[in-house]
Amino acid sequence: MSLTKIDFKNIEELFKTILNQILNLEPGQTLDDKLDEKIGHLPTKEEFYTKEDEVLKELKTVREEMATLNGLHEKVNRHETQIEEVQNKLGIQTV
């Protein structure tokens, strides 16, 4: 027993019906329409790279500021240690 053209047509229709149900396609809506609807909210390549550049510049600025602050923190600690040593040698007590 072989399949006829009508059998293939019925299988094709059944396949389309099942696929439309799985993809939640409305009657008359194509997969391309559904994809356009879903990806329509995504940024374009240009918008994405522009925003990425802004974020990376901000990250670079934050890292530079952190390095500066860490260097200042080390200097403050060193100065505090030196002040304590001077106060100890002079016999000055702090509260």
Protein backbone atom coordinates (compact mmCIF):
# COMPACT_ATOMS: atom_id res chain seq x y z
CA MET A 1 0.00 0.00 0.00
CA SER A 2 1.42 3.35 -0.98
CA LEU A 3 0.44 6.87 -0.06
CA THR A 4 -1.51 8.93 -2.53
CA LYS A 5 -1.31 12.63 -3.26
CA ILE A 6 -4.41 13.11 -1.10
CA ASP A 7 -2.67 11.31 1.79
CA PHE A 8 0.37 13.57 1.47
CA LYS A 9 -1.89 16.63 1.34
CA ASN A 10 -3.70 15.46 4.51
CA ILE A 11 -0.39 14.80 6.27
CA GLU A 12 0.83 18.26 5.28
CA GLU A 13 -2.35 19.91 6.61
CA LEU A 14 -2.14 17.91 9.84
CA PHE A 15 1.51 18.90 10.23
CA LYS A 16 0.66 22.59 9.68
CA THR A 17 -2.20 22.41 12.19
CA ILE A 18 0.00 20.81 14.86
CA LEU A 19 2.84 23.25 14.19
CA ASN A 20 0.48 26.23 14.45
CA GLN A 21 -0.84 24.93 17.77
CA ILE A 22 2.66 24.38 19.14
CA LEU A 23 3.80 27.85 18.04
CA ASN A 24 0.52 29.49 19.15
CA LEU A 25 -0.01 30.96 15.69
CA GLU A 26 -3.34 32.61 15.03
CA PRO A 27 -5.25 31.72 11.85
CA GLY A 28 -3.55 33.37 8.89
CA GLN A 29 -0.45 34.26 10.91
CA THR A 30 2.85 32.95 9.57
CA LEU A 31 5.95 31.96 11.45
CA ASP A 32 7.73 35.01 9.98
CA ASP A 33 4.98 37.27 11.36
CA LYS A 34 5.34 35.67 14.79
CA LEU A 35 9.12 36.08 14.74
CA ASP A 36 8.87 39.71 13.61
CA GLU A 37 6.47 40.33 16.48
CA LYS A 38 8.82 38.73 19.01
CA ILE A 39 12.09 40.29 17.84
CA GLY A 40 10.57 43.67 17.03
CA HIS A 41 11.42 44.91 20.54
CA LEU A 42 15.10 43.99 20.30
CA PRO A 43 17.61 46.76 19.55
CA THR A 44 19.31 46.99 16.20
CA LYS A 45 22.97 46.07 15.94
CA GLU A 46 23.91 49.76 15.88
CA GLU A 47 21.80 50.55 18.97
CA PHE A 48 23.27 47.57 20.81
CA TYR A 49 26.89 48.49 20.07
CA THR A 50 26.29 52.15 20.93
CA LYS A 51 24.86 51.19 24.32
CA GLU A 52 27.64 48.65 24.86
CA ASP A 53 30.25 51.38 24.21
CA GLU A 54 28.57 53.61 26.81
CA VAL A 55 28.54 50.83 29.39
CA LEU A 56 32.17 49.89 28.75
CA LYS A 57 33.29 53.54 29.04
CA GLU A 58 31.45 53.79 32.35
CA LEU A 59 33.07 50.56 33.55
CA LYS A 60 36.50 51.89 32.59
CA THR A 61 35.82 55.11 34.51
CA VAL A 62 34.71 53.19 37.60
CA ARG A 63 37.82 50.99 37.49
CA GLU A 64 40.08 54.05 37.19
CA GLU A 65 38.31 55.72 40.12
CA MET A 66 38.67 52.54 42.20
CA ALA A 67 42.40 52.44 41.48
CA THR A 68 42.71 56.08 42.52
CA LEU A 69 40.73 55.53 45.71
CA ASN A 70 42.76 52.44 46.59
CA GLY A 71 45.97 54.46 46.20
CA LEU A 72 44.59 57.23 48.43
CA HIS A 73 43.49 54.67 51.02
CA GLU A 74 47.00 53.23 51.15
CA LYS A 75 48.48 56.72 51.60
CA VAL A 76 46.06 57.51 54.43
CA ASN A 77 46.94 54.25 56.18
CA ARG A 78 50.64 54.99 55.82
CA HIS A 79 50.17 58.53 57.20
CA GLU A 80 48.12 57.24 60.13
CA THR A 81 50.88 54.79 60.97
CA GLN A 82 53.50 57.52 60.76
CA ILE A 83 51.43 59.86 62.95
CA GLU A 84 51.00 57.12 65.57
CA GLU A 85 54.76 56.53 65.58
CA VAL A 86 55.46 60.24 66.05
CA GLN A 87 52.88 60.49 68.83
CA ASN A 88 54.41 57.47 70.57
CA LYS A 89 57.92 58.96 70.37
CA LEU A 90 56.69 62.30 71.71
CA GLY A 91 54.55 60.67 74.37
CA ILE A 92 51.34 62.18 73.12
CA GLN A 93 48.24 60.20 74.02
CA THR A 94 45.17 60.37 71.84
CA VAL A 95 41.63 59.77 72.87
